[in-house]
C-alpha atoms as a PDB file:
ATOM      1  CA  MET A   1     169.887 135.436  -8.516  1.00  0.00           C
ATOM      2  CA  ASN A   2     170.632 132.383  -9.910  1.00  0.00           C
ATOM      3  CA  PRO A   3     173.153 133.363 -12.968  1.00  0.00           C
ATOM      4  CA  ALA A   4     172.281 130.004 -14.653  1.00  0.00           C
ATOM      5  CA  THR A   5     168.909 131.981 -15.658  1.00  0.00           C
ATOM      6  CA  ILE A   6     170.266 135.033 -17.044  1.00  0.00           C
ATOM      7  CA  LYS A   7     170.323 134.725 -20.916  1.00  0.00           C
ATOM      8  CA  ALA A   8     171.264 138.266 -22.285  1.00  0.00           C
ATOM      9  CA  CYS A   9     173.571 141.029 -20.086  1.00  0.00           C
ATOM     10  CA  LEU A  10     172.157 144.306 -21.327  1.00  0.00           C
ATOM     11  CA  PHE A  11     174.766 146.852 -20.424  1.00  0.00           C
ATOM     12  CA  ASP A  12     175.599 150.811 -20.034  1.00  0.00           C
ATOM     13  CA  VAL A  13     177.968 151.852 -22.143  1.00  0.00           C
ATOM     14  CA  PHE A  14     179.126 155.764 -21.278  1.00  0.00           C
ATOM     15  CA  GLY A  15     181.525 155.314 -18.321  1.00  0.00           C
ATOM     16  CA  THR A  16     181.289 151.053 -17.870  1.00  0.00           C
ATOM     17  CA  VAL A  17     182.231 150.327 -20.765  1.00  0.00           C
ATOM     18  CA  VAL A  18     184.056 153.383 -22.381  1.00  0.00           C
ATOM     19  CA  ASP A  19     186.356 155.868 -21.059  1.00  0.00           C
ATOM     20  CA  TRP A  20     184.582 159.380 -22.166  1.00  0.00           C
ATOM     21  CA  ARG A  21     186.039 161.842 -19.833  1.00  0.00           C
ATOM     22  CA  SER A  22     189.762 160.422 -21.185  1.00  0.00           C
ATOM     23  CA  SER A  23     188.686 159.748 -24.708  1.00  0.00           C
ATOM     24  CA  VAL A  24     186.325 163.216 -25.298  1.00  0.00           C
ATOM     25  CA  SER A  25     189.393 165.410 -23.414  1.00  0.00           C
ATOM     26  CA  ARG A  26     191.780 163.603 -26.266  1.00  0.00           C
ATOM     27  CA  GLU A  27     189.608 164.602 -28.885  1.00  0.00           C
ATOM     28  CA  ALA A  28     189.003 168.246 -27.604  1.00  0.00           C
ATOM     29  CA  ALA A  29     192.653 168.447 -27.184  1.00  0.00           C
ATOM     30  CA  ALA A  30     193.550 167.481 -31.185  1.00  0.00           C
ATOM     31  CA  PHE A  31     190.533 169.499 -31.917  1.00  0.00           C
ATOM     32  CA  PHE A  32     191.913 172.692 -30.493  1.00  0.00           C
ATOM     33  CA  LYS A  33     195.491 172.101 -31.295  1.00  0.00           C
ATOM     34  CA  GLY A  34     194.540 171.417 -35.287  1.00  0.00           C
ATOM     35  CA  LYS A  35     192.149 174.836 -35.237  1.00  0.00           C
ATOM     36  CA  GLY A  36     195.133 176.324 -32.957  1.00  0.00           C
ATOM     37  CA  ILE A  37     192.454 177.090 -30.305  1.00  0.00           C
ATOM     38  CA  SER A  38     194.228 177.889 -26.940  1.00  0.00           C
ATOM     39  CA  GLY A  39     193.231 178.308 -23.515  1.00  0.00           C
ATOM     40  CA  VAL A  40     190.704 176.042 -23.333  1.00  0.00           C
ATOM     41  CA  ASP A  41     191.454 173.150 -21.269  1.00  0.00           C
ATOM     42  CA  PRO A  42     190.665 170.210 -23.022  1.00  0.00           C
ATOM     43  CA  MET A  43     189.610 168.316 -20.121  1.00  0.00           C
ATOM     44  CA  GLU A  44     187.089 170.795 -18.446  1.00  0.00           C
ATOM     45  CA  PHE A  45     186.144 171.044 -21.930  1.00  0.00           C
ATOM     46  CA  ALA A  46     184.426 167.302 -21.722  1.00  0.00           C
ATOM     47  CA  MET A  47     183.781 167.778 -18.262  1.00  0.00           C
ATOM     48  CA  GLU A  48     180.778 170.808 -19.045  1.00  0.00           C
ATOM     49  CA  TRP A  49     179.844 168.841 -22.143  1.00  0.00           C
ATOM     50  CA  ARG A  50     178.998 165.844 -19.871  1.00  0.00           C
ATOM     51  CA  LYS A  51     176.739 167.740 -17.070  1.00  0.00           C
ATOM     52  CA  LEU A  52     174.640 168.906 -19.763  1.00  0.00           C
ATOM     53  CA  TYR A  53     173.797 164.439 -20.524  1.00  0.00           C
ATOM     54  CA  GLN A  54     171.240 165.057 -17.916  1.00  0.00           C
ATOM     55  CA  PRO A  55     169.327 168.113 -18.539  1.00  0.00           C
ATOM     56  CA  SER A  56     168.987 167.724 -22.287  1.00  0.00           C
ATOM     57  CA  MET A  57     167.559 164.219 -21.696  1.00  0.00           C
ATOM     58  CA  GLU A  58     165.302 165.141 -18.546  1.00  0.00           C
ATOM     59  CA  GLU A  59     163.650 167.456 -21.184  1.00  0.00           C
ATOM     60  CA  VAL A  60     162.675 164.738 -23.424  1.00  0.00           C
ATOM     61  CA  ARG A  61     161.961 162.206 -20.168  1.00  0.00           C
ATOM     62  CA  SER A  62     159.453 164.576 -18.618  1.00  0.00           C
ATOM     63  CA  GLY A  63     157.108 165.322 -22.116  1.00  0.00           C
ATOM     64  CA  ARG A  64     158.596 168.976 -22.545  1.00  0.00           C
ATOM     65  CA  ARG A  65     159.926 167.671 -25.596  1.00  0.00           C
ATOM     66  CA  ALA A  66     159.023 165.705 -28.223  1.00  0.00           C
ATOM     67  CA  TRP A  67     161.517 161.635 -28.694  1.00  0.00           C
ATOM     68  CA  THR A  68     165.091 163.469 -29.658  1.00  0.00           C
ATOM     69  CA  ILE A  69     168.209 161.211 -30.390  1.00  0.00           C
ATOM     70  CA  LEU A  70     171.537 162.106 -27.760  1.00  0.00           C
ATOM     71  CA  ASP A  71     172.699 163.109 -31.083  1.00  0.00           C
ATOM     72  CA  LEU A  72     171.232 166.138 -31.511  1.00  0.00           C
ATOM     73  CA  LEU A  73     171.305 166.294 -27.811  1.00  0.00           C
ATOM     74  CA  HIS A  74     175.088 165.915 -27.478  1.00  0.00           C
ATOM     75  CA  ARG A  75     174.897 168.816 -30.769  1.00  0.00           C
ATOM     76  CA  GLU A  76     173.212 171.277 -28.756  1.00  0.00           C
ATOM     77  CA  SER A  77     174.592 170.806 -25.698  1.00  0.00           C
ATOM     78  CA  LEU A  78     178.686 171.702 -28.056  1.00  0.00           C
ATOM     79  CA  SER A  79     176.937 174.609 -29.390  1.00  0.00           C
ATOM     80  CA  LYS A  80     176.459 175.924 -25.881  1.00  0.00           C
ATOM     81  CA  LEU A  81     179.597 175.111 -24.846  1.00  0.00           C
ATOM     82  CA  LEU A  82     181.183 176.707 -28.287  1.00  0.00           C
ATOM     83  CA  GLY A  83     179.068 179.641 -27.308  1.00  0.00           C
ATOM     84  CA  ARG A  84     180.187 179.845 -23.545  1.00  0.00           C
ATOM     85  CA  TYR A  85     183.815 179.414 -24.527  1.00  0.00           C
ATOM     86  CA  GLY A  86     183.851 182.212 -27.446  1.00  0.00           C
ATOM     87  CA  LEU A  87     185.260 179.830 -29.916  1.00  0.00           C
ATOM     88  CA  SER A  88     183.330 181.340 -33.067  1.00  0.00           C
ATOM     89  CA  GLY A  89     183.746 180.934 -37.273  1.00  0.00           C
ATOM     90  CA  LEU A  90     184.116 176.482 -37.012  1.00  0.00           C
ATOM     91  CA  ASN A  91     181.638 175.546 -39.771  1.00  0.00           C
ATOM     92  CA  GLU A  92     178.922 173.203 -39.557  1.00  0.00           C
ATOM     93  CA  ASP A  93     181.213 170.028 -40.818  1.00  0.00           C
ATOM     94  CA  GLU A  94     183.996 170.977 -38.229  1.00  0.00           C
ATOM     95  CA  ILE A  95     181.389 171.346 -35.469  1.00  0.00           C
ATOM     96  CA  GLU A  96     179.351 167.891 -36.547  1.00  0.00           C
ATOM     97  CA  HIS A  97     183.355 166.101 -36.166  1.00  0.00           C
ATOM     98  CA  LEU A  98     183.942 167.420 -32.751  1.00  0.00           C
ATOM     99  CA  ASN A  99     180.072 166.562 -31.738  1.00  0.00           C
ATOM    100  CA  ARG A 100     181.123 162.901 -32.790  1.00  0.00           C
ATOM    101  CA  ALA A 101     183.882 162.395 -30.656  1.00  0.00           C
ATOM    102  CA  TRP A 102     181.248 160.658 -28.691  1.00  0.00           C
ATOM    103  CA  HIS A 103     181.553 157.823 -31.740  1.00  0.00           C
ATOM    104  CA  ARG A 104     185.033 157.646 -30.981  1.00  0.00           C
ATOM    105  CA  LEU A 105     185.429 156.342 -26.849  1.00  0.00           C
ATOM    106  CA  THR A 106     187.808 154.206 -26.259  1.00  0.00           C
ATOM    107  CA  PRO A 107     187.009 151.209 -23.989  1.00  0.00           C
ATOM    108  CA  TRP A 108     188.380 149.866 -20.349  1.00  0.00           C
ATOM    109  CA  PRO A 109     190.685 147.602 -20.458  1.00  0.00           C
ATOM    110  CA  ASP A 110     189.460 144.756 -19.550  1.00  0.00           C
ATOM    111  CA  VAL A 111     186.583 145.449 -21.719  1.00  0.00           C
ATOM    112  CA  ARG A 112     186.960 143.584 -25.528  1.00  0.00           C
ATOM    113  CA  GLU A 113     187.951 139.820 -23.435  1.00  0.00           C
ATOM    114  CA  GLY A 114     185.010 140.546 -20.989  1.00  0.00           C
ATOM    115  CA  LEU A 115     182.617 140.855 -24.150  1.00  0.00           C
ATOM    116  CA  GLU A 116     183.898 138.310 -25.943  1.00  0.00           C
ATOM    117  CA  ARG A 117     183.694 135.253 -23.592  1.00  0.00           C
ATOM    118  CA  LEU A 118     180.698 136.768 -22.258  1.00  0.00           C
ATOM    119  CA  LYS A 119     178.970 136.714 -25.920  1.00  0.00           C
ATOM    120  CA  THR A 120     180.323 132.880 -26.577  1.00  0.00           C
ATOM    121  CA  LYS A 121     177.333 131.203 -24.172  1.00  0.00           C
ATOM    122  CA  LEU A 122     175.366 134.885 -23.920  1.00  0.00           C
ATOM    123  CA  ILE A 123     173.354 137.643 -25.430  1.00  0.00           C
ATOM    124  CA  ILE A 124     174.870 140.736 -24.848  1.00  0.00           C
ATOM    125  CA  ALA A 125     173.654 144.282 -26.317  1.00  0.00           C
ATOM    126  CA  PRO A 126     173.723 147.898 -25.246  1.00  0.00           C
ATOM    127  CA  CYS A 127     171.157 149.209 -23.118  1.00  0.00           C
ATOM    128  CA  SER A 128     172.643 152.647 -23.477  1.00  0.00           C
ATOM    129  CA  ASN A 129     170.715 156.182 -24.077  1.00  0.00           C
ATOM    130  CA  GLY A 130     173.210 156.544 -27.148  1.00  0.00           C
ATOM    131  CA  ASN A 131     171.221 156.581 -30.014  1.00  0.00           C
ATOM    132  CA  ILE A 132     171.338 153.328 -32.869  1.00  0.00           C
ATOM    133  CA  ALA A 133     174.172 155.044 -35.350  1.00  0.00           C
ATOM    134  CA  LEU A 134     176.145 156.147 -32.621  1.00  0.00           C
ATOM    135  CA  MET A 135     176.096 152.865 -30.706  1.00  0.00           C
ATOM    136  CA  VAL A 136     177.450 151.406 -33.806  1.00  0.00           C
ATOM    137  CA  ASN A 137     179.984 153.528 -35.249  1.00  0.00           C
ATOM    138  CA  LEU A 138     181.237 153.428 -31.297  1.00  0.00           C
ATOM    139  CA  ALA A 139     181.767 149.248 -31.897  1.00  0.00           C
ATOM    140  CA  LYS A 140     183.086 149.554 -35.035  1.00  0.00           C
ATOM    141  CA  HIS A 141     185.237 151.898 -34.344  1.00  0.00           C
ATOM    142  CA  SER A 142     186.164 150.301 -30.568  1.00  0.00           C
ATOM    143  CA  GLY A 143     185.616 146.969 -31.112  1.00  0.00           C
ATOM    144  CA  LEU A 144     182.332 146.134 -29.105  1.00  0.00           C
ATOM    145  CA  PRO A 145     181.298 142.720 -30.571  1.00  0.00           C
ATOM    146  CA  TRP A 146     177.172 143.227 -29.632  1.00  0.00           C
ATOM    147  CA  ASP A 147     174.442 140.584 -30.635  1.00  0.00           C
ATOM    148  CA  CYS A 148     172.772 143.748 -31.749  1.00  0.00           C
ATOM    149  CA  ILE A 149     171.972 147.130 -30.254  1.00  0.00           C
ATOM    150  CA  LEU A 150     169.042 148.217 -28.243  1.00  0.00           C
ATOM    151  CA  GLY A 151     168.273 150.994 -25.345  1.00  0.00           C
ATOM    152  CA  ALA A 152     166.750 154.395 -25.302  1.00  0.00           C
ATOM    153  CA  GLU A 153     166.421 154.810 -29.491  1.00  0.00           C
ATOM    154  CA  THR A 154     164.626 151.269 -29.997  1.00  0.00           C
ATOM    155  CA  ALA A 155     162.381 152.153 -26.414  1.00  0.00           C
ATOM    156  CA  ARG A 156     161.909 155.461 -27.511  1.00  0.00           C
ATOM    157  CA  ALA A 157     163.030 156.489 -23.623  1.00  0.00           C
ATOM    158  CA  TYR A 158     165.784 157.393 -21.963  1.00  0.00           C
ATOM    159  CA  LYS A 159     167.098 155.188 -18.755  1.00  0.00           C
ATOM    160  CA  PRO A 160     166.471 155.266 -16.179  1.00  0.00           C
ATOM    161  CA  MET A 161     162.441 155.363 -17.602  1.00  0.00           C
ATOM    162  CA  PRO A 162     161.005 151.622 -17.279  1.00  0.00           C
ATOM    163  CA  GLU A 163     160.250 151.948 -20.447  1.00  0.00           C
ATOM    164  CA  ALA A 164     164.521 151.657 -22.016  1.00  0.00           C
ATOM    165  CA  TYR A 165     164.751 148.292 -19.672  1.00  0.00           C
ATOM    166  CA  LEU A 166     161.365 146.559 -20.332  1.00  0.00           C
ATOM    167  CA  ALA A 167     161.219 147.356 -24.062  1.00  0.00           C
ATOM    168  CA  SER A 168     164.913 145.889 -24.134  1.00  0.00           C
ATOM    169  CA  CYS A 169     163.983 142.633 -22.615  1.00  0.00           C
ATOM    170  CA  ARG A 170     161.129 142.548 -24.781  1.00  0.00           C
ATOM    171  CA  GLN A 171     162.901 142.947 -27.986  1.00  0.00           C
ATOM    172  CA  LEU A 172     165.055 139.993 -27.103  1.00  0.00           C
ATOM    173  CA  ALA A 173     161.817 138.313 -26.037  1.00  0.00           C
ATOM    174  CA  LEU A 174     163.025 137.218 -22.824  1.00  0.00           C
ATOM    175  CA  LYS A 175     161.388 138.003 -19.449  1.00  0.00           C
ATOM    176  CA  PRO A 176     163.667 140.307 -16.893  1.00  0.00           C
ATOM    177  CA  GLY A 177     164.648 138.195 -14.184  1.00  0.00           C
ATOM    178  CA  GLU A 178     166.283 136.436 -17.565  1.00  0.00           C
ATOM    179  CA  VAL A 179     168.207 139.629 -18.122  1.00  0.00           C
ATOM    180  CA  MET A 180     171.076 141.247 -16.359  1.00  0.00           C
ATOM    181  CA  MET A 181     171.793 144.963 -16.112  1.00  0.00           C
ATOM    182  CA  VAL A 182     175.408 145.048 -16.106  1.00  0.00           C
ATOM    183  CA  ALA A 183     176.250 149.219 -15.422  1.00  0.00           C
ATOM    184  CA  ALA A 184     178.699 151.030 -12.965  1.00  0.00           C
ATOM    185  CA  HIS A 185     176.284 153.266 -11.721  1.00  0.00           C
ATOM    186  CA  ASN A 186     174.220 152.677  -8.804  1.00  0.00           C
ATOM    187  CA  GLY A 187     171.164 154.589  -9.960  1.00  0.00           C
ATOM    188  CA  ASP A 188     171.145 152.787 -13.331  1.00  0.00           C
ATOM    189  CA  LEU A 189     171.094 149.104 -11.899  1.00  0.00           C
ATOM    190  CA  LYS A 190     168.425 150.443  -9.407  1.00  0.00           C
ATOM    191  CA  ALA A 191     166.123 151.700 -11.797  1.00  0.00           C
ATOM    192  CA  ALA A 192     166.646 148.000 -13.519  1.00  0.00           C
ATOM    193  CA  LYS A 193     166.426 146.138 -10.591  1.00  0.00           C
ATOM    194  CA  ALA A 194     162.889 147.849 -10.524  1.00  0.00           C
ATOM    195  CA  GLN A 195     161.647 146.502 -13.334  1.00  0.00           C
ATOM    196  CA  GLY A 196     162.827 142.765 -12.499  1.00  0.00           C
ATOM    197  CA  LEU A 197     166.092 142.271 -14.763  1.00  0.00           C
ATOM    198  CA  ALA A 198     169.393 140.663 -12.813  1.00  0.00           C
ATOM    199  CA  THR A 199     171.834 143.123 -11.716  1.00  0.00           C
ATOM    200  CA  ALA A 200     176.159 143.143 -11.924  1.00  0.00           C
ATOM    201  CA  PHE A 201     177.778 146.178 -11.197  1.00  0.00           C
ATOM    202  CA  VAL A 202     181.410 147.291 -12.659  1.00  0.00           C
ATOM    203  CA  PRO A 203     183.398 149.825 -10.483  1.00  0.00           C
ATOM    204  CA  ARG A 204     185.015 152.748 -12.828  1.00  0.00           C
ATOM    205  CA  PRO A 205     186.402 154.821 -10.073  1.00  0.00           C
ATOM    206  CA  THR A 206     187.953 157.066 -12.346  1.00  0.00           C
ATOM    207  CA  GLU A 207     185.170 158.078 -14.691  1.00  0.00           C
ATOM    208  CA  TYR A 208     184.712 161.518 -13.041  1.00  0.00           C
ATOM    209  CA  GLY A 209     188.178 161.464 -12.776  1.00  0.00           C
ATOM    210  CA  PRO A 210     190.762 161.252  -9.442  1.00  0.00           C
ATOM    211  CA  GLY A 211     188.545 162.748  -7.083  1.00  0.00           C
ATOM    212  CA  GLN A 212     185.722 160.904  -7.836  1.00  0.00           C
ATOM    213  CA  THR A 213     183.672 160.314  -4.723  1.00  0.00           C
ATOM    214  CA  SER A 214     180.190 158.124  -6.080  1.00  0.00           C
ATOM    215  CA  ASP A 215     179.559 154.987  -7.592  1.00  0.00           C
ATOM    216  CA  LEU A 216     182.886 154.142  -6.198  1.00  0.00           C
ATOM    217  CA  SER A 217     181.113 150.422  -5.021  1.00  0.00           C
ATOM    218  CA  ALA A 218     177.861 148.214  -4.823  1.00  0.00           C
ATOM    219  CA  ASP A 219     175.329 149.533  -3.494  1.00  0.00           C
ATOM    220  CA  PRO A 220     173.464 145.831  -1.972  1.00  0.00           C
ATOM    221  CA  SER A 221     170.320 147.381  -1.656  1.00  0.00           C
ATOM    222  CA  CYS A 222     169.712 147.046  -5.805  1.00  0.00           C
ATOM    223  CA  VAL A 223     173.045 145.093  -6.987  1.00  0.00           C
ATOM    224  CA  ASP A 224     172.735 140.873  -6.904  1.00  0.00           C
ATOM    225  CA  LEU A 225     176.513 140.393  -8.557  1.00  0.00           C
ATOM    226  CA  PRO A 226     179.576 142.806  -7.096  1.00  0.00           C
ATOM    227  CA  VAL A 227     182.428 142.226  -9.658  1.00  0.00           C
ATOM    228  CA  LYS A 228     185.390 143.876 -10.247  1.00  0.00           C
ATOM    229  CA  SER A 229     185.769 143.633 -14.234  1.00  0.00           C
ATOM    230  CA  PHE A 230     184.247 142.117 -17.400  1.00  0.00           C
ATOM    231  CA  VAL A 231     186.473 139.350 -17.334  1.00  0.00           C
ATOM    232  CA  GLU A 232     185.353 138.472 -13.654  1.00  0.00           C
ATOM    233  CA  LEU A 233     181.649 139.436 -14.904  1.00  0.00           C
ATOM    234  CA  ALA A 234     182.164 136.294 -17.510  1.00  0.00           C
ATOM    235  CA  ASP A 235     184.152 134.378 -14.202  1.00  0.00           C
ATOM    236  CA  LYS A 236     180.948 134.584 -11.798  1.00  0.00           C
ATOM    237  CA  LEU A 237     178.671 133.484 -14.591  1.00  0.00           C
ATOM    238  CA  GLY A 238     180.223 130.452 -16.040  1.00  0.00           C
ATOM    239  CA  CYS A 239     181.634 132.035 -19.904  1.00  0.00           C
END
């Protein structure tokens, strides 16, 4: 991989750009407190919600379900969780506010500086499973300076399906080799690499908490550029 050939960086968002675990648990804690709900661990609630993420998308990826945006999948997963925890009596506006916790996530400390630097030279955009409204609201909330919003909804395909990556390249009028996928997840990068994209790994060793055992380091079989932060990524790409 020659850094000089890279014209755009695409970013995984949940876990790579933003700390969803701490953010969702914080939102849940505030919500429960405001509603006088006790006996539910907000961190556990966030983790259980996240566990429903991949199974809900797999229904779409498999073709068993028509294309459905992530906001709706999150909402359906939330309904299951509310039932599981016996949290009844919430109205639709309250449930929707909690569901939009995913629109109010906090970036990791290195993200804004790194993105601002990368943007001076390269096109930067999310390639996330999040839908357009989610990504736009999250960018506004967290100060993420994307040039455009790409990913699942524009591709109508959830990662790691090939079209999620290839559509993003086509929409930028770039060849896959001119685009770098940046993620904290080796599986995401393996899928992108298989479609000809360059890849960069940024570790987020506490994404799932202090006991995390996966994605602690780059897999050399699918990672072109292992870096420690978005700032180092900017350094390596000459930004």
